[in-house]
Every structure is written in structure tokens, then in C-alpha cells.
Amino acid sequence: MQASTYLPYLAVVLNYALVATDFWRAANKTSASSKSLSLRWHSGLIALGLLIHGGLLYQDIFIGDLNLNIANTVSAVLWLTVLIYWIANFKHQLNSLQAFVLPPAALAVAAQAYSHNTHINAYASEPLFVAHIIIAMVAYSLFTFAALHALLMAMAERSLHQKNNLIKLPSFPPIMMMETLLFRIIGLGFVLLTFTLISGMLFSEQIFHQALKMNHKNIFAIISWLIYGGLLFGRLQYGWRGRTAIRWTLSGFVILLLAYVGTKFVLEVLLGR
């Protein structure tokens, strides 16, 4: 690649990194009007970053063969995660979440820029496969958002109990509002993860004449589905909240991460397939 080819990637990385950094400066201002002005600028800059980032993903994934290597896939999931944050922030004032959402997105774009390996899927022309991939990515993005949101909740709870945090955030949304949003996101993600598993089984039956192949990816995905289902059941039946909800959310996310990203990392990076 020529040096100029990397400029759009660099622009997105700097955009996300500068907005996250400026959040600290804006949040520590004493003037409420200055804070409000800075946060409005943040929203506009994030929108610009999302636009360029989305264009780069379209170029790297869809132009030519469908290239779903690990860097492109993770970058796409984090693009959707930032988009979910950007939309949710209009209603719920989740500015503190910038410190969690934007840095990993910036790293993912950097990895996307320097990833030259390709992972072309032979079934890219199959509508059922494309639908499966889209639903899966949206589901994973919702759970990524939920995991980052759960980390923010954990820090907010520690702050309320006057315990020290490794990272000090200047402000938190109300805990009850954060908790309500967490379960809404998990509920929607659970529905989409259910459709992901169903569409995956239908596709597997169509291509391999076997509805469910018991490989690492599917086993971890089912375990994650059970964890999130158990969390939602516990919320409805026993009123689970607080630390219990945070632990279950993060456990489900780690298992889901192993299901897809972990599997792709072993296959593409370690084994070079």
C-alpha cells in the first residue's frame, strides 16, 4: 500500500482518540456551557468518524470478494458498537462511555489498516449466509456495548461506595438508568443471538446437511446464549441487578468473544488458515 492509502485510517484513529481524550478535558471544566459545547462537538466528530470508518469497512469487506478476516470483522463489530453508543447517547447522556467505546474502536481501525490477509468465504453469494453474518455482527455489537456499559456500571458502583477506581471518570449517569439500558440492550442482543444460532443451523443444514456442527465456535456461542438467557430469567424471576448483572454480562461476553474472535484468531493468526 502507498502511504496515502493509510491516511483515511489514520484520520479515523486520530478522530476517535482525540474525542476520547478531549472528553476528560471537557468533563473537568467548571463551566456547564463549555461542557455542553464540547460534548456537542464530540457528537459531530464521532459522526464524521463513523462515516469514514463505515466507508473503509465497505471498501475492505465488500469491494471484490467478501473479505471477513479477523481485523475487518472486529472493526465492523466495533463500528456498530460506536454507532449504538452514538445513537443511545442522544437520549441517555452516556458521555462517560466514550472512555470505553472509542479507544478499542481506534485500535481496531489501526489493525484493519495493516491487515493484508484475506479470508474469502465460499458461501458469500448465499442469501442465508449473508443474513446470518449481518444478524451475528449486530448481536455481537450489542453485547460489546453491553459489556463496556457493564464496566462503566461497575466503576459507578465503586464510586458510590467511595472505593478507588483504577480509572477515574468525572461523571456517571444515574445507576438505575444505566441498569435499565443494560437490560434493554441485552434483551435485544439475546433475540438477535437466538436468530444468529437459528440462521446458522438453517445454513448448516442447507450446505452440510447437518443442522448443528459441534465445534468450538458453536459450543461457546450456545454457552453464551445460555448465560444471557439465564441473566434475563434471573432479572424477571428474582430481580437480579447490580454486581450480579455485571458479572453475568461480562461472563457471557467473554464466552461470546471466544466463540468467534478467539476461533478466528487461532485459525487465521496462529494456524495461518
C-alpha atoms as a PDB file:
ATOM      1  CA  MET A   1       0.000   0.000   0.000  1.00  0.00           C
ATOM      2  CA  GLN A   2       1.098   3.581  -0.663  1.00  0.00           C
ATOM      3  CA  ALA A   3       1.431   5.888   2.354  1.00  0.00           C
ATOM      4  CA  SER A   4      -1.558   7.954   1.193  1.00  0.00           C
ATOM      5  CA  THR A   5      -3.733   4.845   1.362  1.00  0.00           C
ATOM      6  CA  TYR A   6      -3.348   4.828   5.140  1.00  0.00           C
ATOM      7  CA  LEU A   7      -4.488   8.441   5.583  1.00  0.00           C
ATOM      8  CA  PRO A   8      -8.245   7.712   5.941  1.00  0.00           C
ATOM      9  CA  TYR A   9      -7.482   5.036   8.561  1.00  0.00           C
ATOM     10  CA  LEU A  10      -5.187   7.461  10.395  1.00  0.00           C
ATOM     11  CA  ALA A  11      -7.907  10.122  10.282  1.00  0.00           C
ATOM     12  CA  VAL A  12     -10.398   7.774  11.977  1.00  0.00           C
ATOM     13  CA  VAL A  13      -7.870   6.610  14.583  1.00  0.00           C
ATOM     14  CA  LEU A  14      -6.996  10.213  15.460  1.00  0.00           C
ATOM     15  CA  ASN A  15     -10.661  11.211  15.441  1.00  0.00           C
ATOM     16  CA  TYR A  16     -11.661   8.532  17.960  1.00  0.00           C
ATOM     17  CA  ALA A  17      -8.543   9.041  20.095  1.00  0.00           C
ATOM     18  CA  LEU A  18      -8.839  12.841  20.216  1.00  0.00           C
ATOM     19  CA  VAL A  19     -12.558  12.768  21.074  1.00  0.00           C
ATOM     20  CA  ALA A  20     -11.912  10.289  23.905  1.00  0.00           C
ATOM     21  CA  THR A  21      -9.026  12.419  25.203  1.00  0.00           C
ATOM     22  CA  ASP A  22     -10.959  15.670  24.928  1.00  0.00           C
ATOM     23  CA  PHE A  23     -13.775  14.118  26.956  1.00  0.00           C
ATOM     24  CA  TRP A  24     -11.558  14.301  30.040  1.00  0.00           C
ATOM     25  CA  ARG A  25     -10.704  17.938  29.414  1.00  0.00           C
ATOM     26  CA  ALA A  26     -14.333  18.905  28.787  1.00  0.00           C
ATOM     27  CA  ALA A  27     -15.697  16.966  31.756  1.00  0.00           C
ATOM     28  CA  ASN A  28     -13.296  18.669  34.166  1.00  0.00           C
ATOM     29  CA  LYS A  29     -14.379  22.150  33.134  1.00  0.00           C
ATOM     30  CA  THR A  30     -16.298  24.156  35.712  1.00  0.00           C
ATOM     31  CA  SER A  31     -18.469  25.907  33.128  1.00  0.00           C
ATOM     32  CA  ALA A  32     -21.598  23.936  32.223  1.00  0.00           C
ATOM     33  CA  SER A  33     -21.904  25.806  28.919  1.00  0.00           C
ATOM     34  CA  SER A  34     -18.320  24.852  27.980  1.00  0.00           C
ATOM     35  CA  LYS A  35     -19.043  21.205  28.778  1.00  0.00           C
ATOM     36  CA  SER A  36     -22.198  21.244  26.683  1.00  0.00           C
ATOM     37  CA  LEU A  37     -20.416  22.861  23.729  1.00  0.00           C
ATOM     38  CA  SER A  38     -17.547  20.339  23.862  1.00  0.00           C
ATOM     39  CA  LEU A  39     -19.936  17.384  24.060  1.00  0.00           C
ATOM     40  CA  ARG A  40     -21.872  18.645  21.037  1.00  0.00           C
ATOM     41  CA  TRP A  41     -18.611  18.857  19.110  1.00  0.00           C
ATOM     42  CA  HIS A  42     -17.832  15.310  20.245  1.00  0.00           C
ATOM     43  CA  SER A  43     -21.104  14.033  18.802  1.00  0.00           C
ATOM     44  CA  GLY A  44     -20.368  15.677  15.451  1.00  0.00           C
ATOM     45  CA  LEU A  45     -16.804  14.366  15.320  1.00  0.00           C
ATOM     46  CA  ILE A  46     -17.915  10.844  16.210  1.00  0.00           C
ATOM     47  CA  ALA A  47     -20.486  11.026  13.396  1.00  0.00           C
ATOM     48  CA  LEU A  48     -17.686  12.031  10.994  1.00  0.00           C
ATOM     49  CA  GLY A  49     -15.502   9.187  12.249  1.00  0.00           C
ATOM     50  CA  LEU A  50     -18.358   6.725  11.812  1.00  0.00           C
ATOM     51  CA  LEU A  51     -18.898   7.918   8.237  1.00  0.00           C
ATOM     52  CA  ILE A  52     -15.242   7.471   7.226  1.00  0.00           C
ATOM     53  CA  HIS A  53     -14.905   4.239   9.203  1.00  0.00           C
ATOM     54  CA  GLY A  54     -18.020   2.832   7.518  1.00  0.00           C
ATOM     55  CA  GLY A  55     -16.639   3.733   4.088  1.00  0.00           C
ATOM     56  CA  LEU A  56     -13.367   1.949   4.861  1.00  0.00           C
ATOM     57  CA  LEU A  57     -15.242  -1.151   6.014  1.00  0.00           C
ATOM     58  CA  TYR A  58     -17.310  -1.172   2.820  1.00  0.00           C
ATOM     59  CA  GLN A  59     -14.109  -0.874   0.777  1.00  0.00           C
ATOM     60  CA  ASP A  60     -12.209  -3.598   2.646  1.00  0.00           C
ATOM     61  CA  ILE A  61     -15.045  -6.085   3.112  1.00  0.00           C
ATOM     62  CA  PHE A  62     -17.448  -5.729   0.197  1.00  0.00           C
ATOM     63  CA  ILE A  63     -15.464  -4.458  -2.798  1.00  0.00           C
ATOM     64  CA  GLY A  64     -14.405  -7.579  -4.646  1.00  0.00           C
ATOM     65  CA  ASP A  65     -14.883 -10.797  -2.705  1.00  0.00           C
ATOM     66  CA  LEU A  66     -16.427 -10.754   0.763  1.00  0.00           C
ATOM     67  CA  ASN A  67     -13.327 -10.399   2.960  1.00  0.00           C
ATOM     68  CA  LEU A  68     -14.196 -11.280   6.553  1.00  0.00           C
ATOM     69  CA  ASN A  69     -10.737 -11.610   8.047  1.00  0.00           C
ATOM     70  CA  ILE A  70     -10.407 -11.097  11.804  1.00  0.00           C
ATOM     71  CA  ALA A  71      -9.321  -7.445  11.563  1.00  0.00           C
ATOM     72  CA  ASN A  72     -12.205  -6.458   9.284  1.00  0.00           C
ATOM     73  CA  THR A  73     -14.714  -8.378  11.383  1.00  0.00           C
ATOM     74  CA  VAL A  74     -13.613  -6.874  14.714  1.00  0.00           C
ATOM     75  CA  SER A  75     -13.505  -3.416  13.161  1.00  0.00           C
ATOM     76  CA  ALA A  76     -17.059  -3.860  11.816  1.00  0.00           C
ATOM     77  CA  VAL A  77     -18.347  -5.000  15.214  1.00  0.00           C
ATOM     78  CA  LEU A  78     -16.731  -2.018  16.932  1.00  0.00           C
ATOM     79  CA  TRP A  79     -18.076   0.355  14.256  1.00  0.00           C
ATOM     80  CA  LEU A  80     -21.565  -0.894  15.090  1.00  0.00           C
ATOM     81  CA  THR A  81     -20.762  -0.574  18.818  1.00  0.00           C
ATOM     82  CA  VAL A  82     -19.757   3.075  18.407  1.00  0.00           C
ATOM     83  CA  LEU A  83     -22.886   3.653  16.307  1.00  0.00           C
ATOM     84  CA  ILE A  84     -25.066   2.157  19.068  1.00  0.00           C
ATOM     85  CA  TYR A  85     -23.329   4.387  21.626  1.00  0.00           C
ATOM     86  CA  TRP A  86     -23.742   7.469  19.414  1.00  0.00           C
ATOM     87  CA  ILE A  87     -27.480   6.857  18.991  1.00  0.00           C
ATOM     88  CA  ALA A  88     -28.090   5.893  22.650  1.00  0.00           C
ATOM     89  CA  ASN A  89     -26.205   8.958  23.878  1.00  0.00           C
ATOM     90  CA  PHE A  90     -28.834  11.327  22.449  1.00  0.00           C
ATOM     91  CA  LYS A  91     -31.400  10.019  24.945  1.00  0.00           C
ATOM     92  CA  HIS A  92     -29.382   8.637  27.848  1.00  0.00           C
ATOM     93  CA  GLN A  93     -26.387  11.005  28.159  1.00  0.00           C
ATOM     94  CA  LEU A  94     -23.737   8.267  28.213  1.00  0.00           C
ATOM     95  CA  ASN A  95     -20.777  10.599  27.683  1.00  0.00           C
ATOM     96  CA  SER A  96     -18.616   8.727  30.201  1.00  0.00           C
ATOM     97  CA  LEU A  97     -18.851   5.643  27.980  1.00  0.00           C
ATOM     98  CA  GLN A  98     -16.626   7.413  25.420  1.00  0.00           C
ATOM     99  CA  ALA A  99     -13.659   6.388  27.553  1.00  0.00           C
ATOM    100  CA  PHE A 100     -14.556   2.715  26.965  1.00  0.00           C
ATOM    101  CA  VAL A 101     -16.021   2.661  23.441  1.00  0.00           C
ATOM    102  CA  LEU A 102     -13.705   4.851  21.371  1.00  0.00           C
ATOM    103  CA  PRO A 103     -10.187   3.566  22.293  1.00  0.00           C
ATOM    104  CA  PRO A 104     -10.849  -0.070  21.236  1.00  0.00           C
ATOM    105  CA  ALA A 105     -12.533   1.205  18.061  1.00  0.00           C
ATOM    106  CA  ALA A 106      -9.410   3.238  17.257  1.00  0.00           C
ATOM    107  CA  LEU A 107      -7.196   0.170  17.782  1.00  0.00           C
ATOM    108  CA  ALA A 108      -9.499  -1.916  15.562  1.00  0.00           C
ATOM    109  CA  VAL A 109      -9.237   0.614  12.716  1.00  0.00           C
ATOM    110  CA  ALA A 110      -5.429   0.592  13.042  1.00  0.00           C
ATOM    111  CA  ALA A 111      -5.431  -3.224  12.847  1.00  0.00           C
ATOM    112  CA  GLN A 112      -7.764  -3.067   9.833  1.00  0.00           C
ATOM    113  CA  ALA A 113      -5.356  -0.711   8.042  1.00  0.00           C
ATOM    114  CA  TYR A 114      -2.366  -3.035   8.458  1.00  0.00           C
ATOM    115  CA  SER A 115      -4.173  -6.311   7.881  1.00  0.00           C
ATOM    116  CA  HIS A 116      -3.279  -7.652   4.448  1.00  0.00           C
ATOM    117  CA  ASN A 117      -4.515 -11.215   4.862  1.00  0.00           C
ATOM    118  CA  THR A 118      -7.806 -12.198   3.272  1.00  0.00           C
ATOM    119  CA  HIS A 119     -10.482 -14.586   4.415  1.00  0.00           C
ATOM    120  CA  ILE A 120     -12.797 -15.149   1.472  1.00  0.00           C
ATOM    121  CA  ASN A 121     -15.877 -17.209   2.230  1.00  0.00           C
ATOM    122  CA  ALA A 122     -17.079 -19.582  -0.478  1.00  0.00           C
ATOM    123  CA  TYR A 123     -20.705 -19.001   0.530  1.00  0.00           C
ATOM    124  CA  ALA A 124     -20.707 -15.203   0.229  1.00  0.00           C
ATOM    125  CA  SER A 125     -23.306 -15.362  -2.548  1.00  0.00           C
ATOM    126  CA  GLU A 126     -25.749 -17.339  -0.373  1.00  0.00           C
ATOM    127  CA  PRO A 127     -28.517 -15.005   0.956  1.00  0.00           C
ATOM    128  CA  LEU A 128     -28.962 -17.095   4.115  1.00  0.00           C
ATOM    129  CA  PHE A 129     -25.258 -16.858   4.897  1.00  0.00           C
ATOM    130  CA  VAL A 130     -25.220 -13.071   4.369  1.00  0.00           C
ATOM    131  CA  ALA A 131     -28.281 -12.695   6.618  1.00  0.00           C
ATOM    132  CA  HIS A 132     -26.598 -14.865   9.256  1.00  0.00           C
ATOM    133  CA  ILE A 133     -23.434 -12.742   9.197  1.00  0.00           C
ATOM    134  CA  ILE A 134     -25.324  -9.423   9.425  1.00  0.00           C
ATOM    135  CA  ILE A 135     -27.507 -10.597  12.333  1.00  0.00           C
ATOM    136  CA  ALA A 136     -24.462 -12.041  14.115  1.00  0.00           C
ATOM    137  CA  MET A 137     -22.480  -8.806  13.782  1.00  0.00           C
ATOM    138  CA  VAL A 138     -25.325  -6.686  15.147  1.00  0.00           C
ATOM    139  CA  ALA A 139     -25.808  -9.145  18.041  1.00  0.00           C
ATOM    140  CA  TYR A 140     -22.083  -9.128  18.866  1.00  0.00           C
ATOM    141  CA  SER A 141     -22.044  -5.318  18.705  1.00  0.00           C
ATOM    142  CA  LEU A 142     -24.937  -5.085  21.157  1.00  0.00           C
ATOM    143  CA  PHE A 143     -23.186  -7.426  23.568  1.00  0.00           C
ATOM    144  CA  THR A 144     -19.909  -5.498  23.158  1.00  0.00           C
ATOM    145  CA  PHE A 145     -21.792  -2.321  24.050  1.00  0.00           C
ATOM    146  CA  ALA A 146     -23.428  -4.129  26.993  1.00  0.00           C
ATOM    147  CA  ALA A 147     -20.042  -5.351  28.283  1.00  0.00           C
ATOM    148  CA  LEU A 148     -18.491  -1.877  28.096  1.00  0.00           C
ATOM    149  CA  HIS A 149     -21.608  -0.439  29.706  1.00  0.00           C
ATOM    150  CA  ALA A 150     -21.340  -3.043  32.490  1.00  0.00           C
ATOM    151  CA  LEU A 151     -17.746  -1.954  33.138  1.00  0.00           C
ATOM    152  CA  LEU A 152     -18.953   1.642  33.429  1.00  0.00           C
ATOM    153  CA  MET A 153     -21.656   0.483  35.877  1.00  0.00           C
ATOM    154  CA  ALA A 154     -19.035  -1.335  37.955  1.00  0.00           C
ATOM    155  CA  MET A 155     -16.975   1.846  38.203  1.00  0.00           C
ATOM    156  CA  ALA A 156     -20.053   3.896  39.039  1.00  0.00           C
ATOM    157  CA  GLU A 157     -20.962   1.491  41.854  1.00  0.00           C
ATOM    158  CA  ARG A 158     -17.443   1.644  43.270  1.00  0.00           C
ATOM    159  CA  SER A 159     -17.624   5.425  43.173  1.00  0.00           C
ATOM    160  CA  LEU A 160     -20.933   5.412  45.064  1.00  0.00           C
ATOM    161  CA  HIS A 161     -19.331   3.265  47.768  1.00  0.00           C
ATOM    162  CA  GLN A 162     -16.327   5.639  47.819  1.00  0.00           C
ATOM    163  CA  LYS A 163     -13.901   2.981  46.603  1.00  0.00           C
ATOM    164  CA  ASN A 164     -10.916   3.816  44.439  1.00  0.00           C
ATOM    165  CA  ASN A 165     -11.048   3.040  40.698  1.00  0.00           C
ATOM    166  CA  LEU A 166      -8.033   2.385  38.509  1.00  0.00           C
ATOM    167  CA  ILE A 167      -9.568   4.848  36.020  1.00  0.00           C
ATOM    168  CA  LYS A 168     -11.272   7.927  37.403  1.00  0.00           C
ATOM    169  CA  LEU A 169     -14.210   9.180  35.355  1.00  0.00           C
ATOM    170  CA  PRO A 170     -15.535  12.647  36.107  1.00  0.00           C
ATOM    171  CA  SER A 171     -19.253  11.805  35.954  1.00  0.00           C
ATOM    172  CA  PHE A 172     -21.703   8.918  35.712  1.00  0.00           C
ATOM    173  CA  PRO A 173     -25.313   8.645  34.572  1.00  0.00           C
ATOM    174  CA  PRO A 174     -27.806   7.552  37.284  1.00  0.00           C
ATOM    175  CA  ILE A 175     -27.295   3.871  38.189  1.00  0.00           C
ATOM    176  CA  MET A 176     -30.969   2.947  37.711  1.00  0.00           C
ATOM    177  CA  MET A 177     -30.991   4.440  34.227  1.00  0.00           C
ATOM    178  CA  MET A 178     -27.759   2.601  33.341  1.00  0.00           C
ATOM    179  CA  GLU A 179     -29.198  -0.667  34.624  1.00  0.00           C
ATOM    180  CA  THR A 180     -32.435  -0.284  32.653  1.00  0.00           C
ATOM    181  CA  LEU A 181     -30.491   0.437  29.467  1.00  0.00           C
ATOM    182  CA  LEU A 182     -28.191  -2.546  30.109  1.00  0.00           C
ATOM    183  CA  PHE A 183     -31.082  -4.999  30.244  1.00  0.00           C
ATOM    184  CA  ARG A 184     -32.758  -3.477  27.187  1.00  0.00           C
ATOM    185  CA  ILE A 185     -29.553  -3.914  25.193  1.00  0.00           C
ATOM    186  CA  ILE A 186     -29.048  -7.465  26.499  1.00  0.00           C
ATOM    187  CA  GLY A 187     -32.671  -8.348  25.724  1.00  0.00           C
ATOM    188  CA  LEU A 188     -32.344  -7.157  22.137  1.00  0.00           C
ATOM    189  CA  GLY A 189     -28.944  -8.820  21.787  1.00  0.00           C
ATOM    190  CA  PHE A 190     -30.360 -12.090  23.109  1.00  0.00           C
ATOM    191  CA  VAL A 191     -33.126 -12.050  20.495  1.00  0.00           C
ATOM    192  CA  LEU A 192     -30.580 -11.426  17.729  1.00  0.00           C
ATOM    193  CA  LEU A 193     -28.205 -14.073  19.104  1.00  0.00           C
ATOM    194  CA  THR A 194     -31.120 -16.523  19.017  1.00  0.00           C
ATOM    195  CA  PHE A 195     -31.725 -15.646  15.359  1.00  0.00           C
ATOM    196  CA  THR A 196     -27.969 -15.987  14.747  1.00  0.00           C
ATOM    197  CA  LEU A 197     -27.981 -19.548  16.083  1.00  0.00           C
ATOM    198  CA  ILE A 198     -31.161 -20.441  14.166  1.00  0.00           C
ATOM    199  CA  SER A 199     -29.926 -18.955  10.868  1.00  0.00           C
ATOM    200  CA  GLY A 200     -26.577 -20.696  11.382  1.00  0.00           C
ATOM    201  CA  MET A 201     -28.325 -24.051  11.846  1.00  0.00           C
ATOM    202  CA  LEU A 202     -30.509 -23.484   8.791  1.00  0.00           C
ATOM    203  CA  PHE A 203     -27.469 -22.582   6.690  1.00  0.00           C
ATOM    204  CA  SER A 204     -25.511 -25.571   8.012  1.00  0.00           C
ATOM    205  CA  GLU A 205     -28.430 -27.876   7.187  1.00  0.00           C
ATOM    206  CA  GLN A 206     -28.687 -26.371   3.696  1.00  0.00           C
ATOM    207  CA  ILE A 207     -24.978 -26.693   2.882  1.00  0.00           C
ATOM    208  CA  PHE A 208     -23.678 -29.577   5.016  1.00  0.00           C
ATOM    209  CA  HIS A 209     -26.946 -31.450   5.706  1.00  0.00           C
ATOM    210  CA  GLN A 210     -26.155 -31.168   9.412  1.00  0.00           C
ATOM    211  CA  ALA A 211     -28.079 -28.617  11.481  1.00  0.00           C
ATOM    212  CA  LEU A 212     -25.512 -28.183  14.236  1.00  0.00           C
ATOM    213  CA  LYS A 213     -21.814 -28.926  13.973  1.00  0.00           C
ATOM    214  CA  MET A 214     -20.412 -29.302  17.498  1.00  0.00           C
ATOM    215  CA  ASN A 215     -17.245 -27.259  17.006  1.00  0.00           C
ATOM    216  CA  HIS A 216     -15.664 -24.772  19.421  1.00  0.00           C
ATOM    217  CA  LYS A 217     -17.430 -21.818  17.848  1.00  0.00           C
ATOM    218  CA  ASN A 218     -20.919 -23.273  18.188  1.00  0.00           C
ATOM    219  CA  ILE A 219     -20.322 -24.678  21.679  1.00  0.00           C
ATOM    220  CA  PHE A 220     -19.114 -21.318  23.012  1.00  0.00           C
ATOM    221  CA  ALA A 221     -21.966 -19.494  21.247  1.00  0.00           C
ATOM    222  CA  ILE A 222     -24.552 -21.797  22.860  1.00  0.00           C
ATOM    223  CA  ILE A 223     -22.942 -21.380  26.301  1.00  0.00           C
ATOM    224  CA  SER A 224     -23.059 -17.604  25.866  1.00  0.00           C
ATOM    225  CA  TRP A 225     -26.719 -17.820  24.800  1.00  0.00           C
ATOM    226  CA  LEU A 226     -27.483 -19.822  27.955  1.00  0.00           C
ATOM    227  CA  ILE A 227     -25.671 -17.286  30.142  1.00  0.00           C
ATOM    228  CA  TYR A 228     -27.546 -14.322  28.709  1.00  0.00           C
ATOM    229  CA  GLY A 229     -30.826 -16.249  28.817  1.00  0.00           C
ATOM    230  CA  GLY A 230     -30.135 -17.119  32.460  1.00  0.00           C
ATOM    231  CA  LEU A 231     -29.419 -13.468  33.244  1.00  0.00           C
ATOM    232  CA  LEU A 232     -32.687 -12.307  31.681  1.00  0.00           C
ATOM    233  CA  PHE A 233     -34.594 -15.055  33.516  1.00  0.00           C
ATOM    234  CA  GLY A 234     -32.936 -14.085  36.788  1.00  0.00           C
ATOM    235  CA  ARG A 235     -33.855 -10.455  36.202  1.00  0.00           C
ATOM    236  CA  LEU A 236     -37.525 -11.299  35.590  1.00  0.00           C
ATOM    237  CA  GLN A 237     -37.858 -14.002  38.239  1.00  0.00           C
ATOM    238  CA  TYR A 238     -35.575 -12.797  41.030  1.00  0.00           C
ATOM    239  CA  GLY A 239     -34.920  -9.135  40.217  1.00  0.00           C
ATOM    240  CA  TRP A 240     -31.201  -9.603  39.636  1.00  0.00           C
ATOM    241  CA  ARG A 241     -29.329  -6.335  39.382  1.00  0.00           C
ATOM    242  CA  GLY A 242     -26.089  -4.604  40.341  1.00  0.00           C
ATOM    243  CA  ARG A 243     -22.985  -6.756  40.669  1.00  0.00           C
ATOM    244  CA  THR A 244     -24.822  -9.954  39.757  1.00  0.00           C
ATOM    245  CA  ALA A 245     -25.956  -8.453  36.446  1.00  0.00           C
ATOM    246  CA  ILE A 246     -22.467  -7.083  35.767  1.00  0.00           C
ATOM    247  CA  ARG A 247     -20.776 -10.446  36.421  1.00  0.00           C
ATOM    248  CA  TRP A 248     -23.203 -12.379  34.208  1.00  0.00           C
ATOM    249  CA  THR A 249     -22.943  -9.771  31.435  1.00  0.00           C
ATOM    250  CA  LEU A 250     -19.145  -9.857  31.381  1.00  0.00           C
ATOM    251  CA  SER A 251     -19.031 -13.677  31.636  1.00  0.00           C
ATOM    252  CA  GLY A 252     -21.389 -14.033  28.659  1.00  0.00           C
ATOM    253  CA  PHE A 253     -19.319 -11.565  26.645  1.00  0.00           C
ATOM    254  CA  VAL A 254     -16.013 -13.342  27.324  1.00  0.00           C
ATOM    255  CA  ILE A 255     -17.531 -16.664  26.182  1.00  0.00           C
ATOM    256  CA  LEU A 256     -19.002 -14.993  23.089  1.00  0.00           C
ATOM    257  CA  LEU A 257     -15.607 -13.448  22.354  1.00  0.00           C
ATOM    258  CA  LEU A 258     -14.047 -16.909  22.477  1.00  0.00           C
ATOM    259  CA  ALA A 259     -16.787 -18.236  20.196  1.00  0.00           C
ATOM    260  CA  TYR A 260     -15.981 -16.016  17.240  1.00  0.00           C
ATOM    261  CA  VAL A 261     -12.923 -13.799  17.680  1.00  0.00           C
ATOM    262  CA  GLY A 262     -10.982 -16.475  19.559  1.00  0.00           C
ATOM    263  CA  THR A 263     -11.715 -19.091  16.918  1.00  0.00           C
ATOM    264  CA  LYS A 264     -10.816 -16.748  14.041  1.00  0.00           C
ATOM    265  CA  PHE A 265      -7.612 -15.664  15.806  1.00  0.00           C
ATOM    266  CA  VAL A 266      -6.432 -19.268  16.187  1.00  0.00           C
ATOM    267  CA  LEU A 267      -7.324 -20.179  12.610  1.00  0.00           C
ATOM    268  CA  GLU A 268      -6.039 -17.041  10.848  1.00  0.00           C
ATOM    269  CA  VAL A 269      -3.171 -15.809  13.029  1.00  0.00           C
ATOM    270  CA  LEU A 270      -1.803 -18.857  14.794  1.00  0.00           C
ATOM    271  CA  LEU A 271      -2.525 -21.501  12.164  1.00  0.00           C
ATOM    272  CA  GLY A 272      -2.467 -19.182   9.108  1.00  0.00           C
ATOM    273  CA  ARG A 273      -5.588 -20.675   7.508  1.00  0.00           C
END
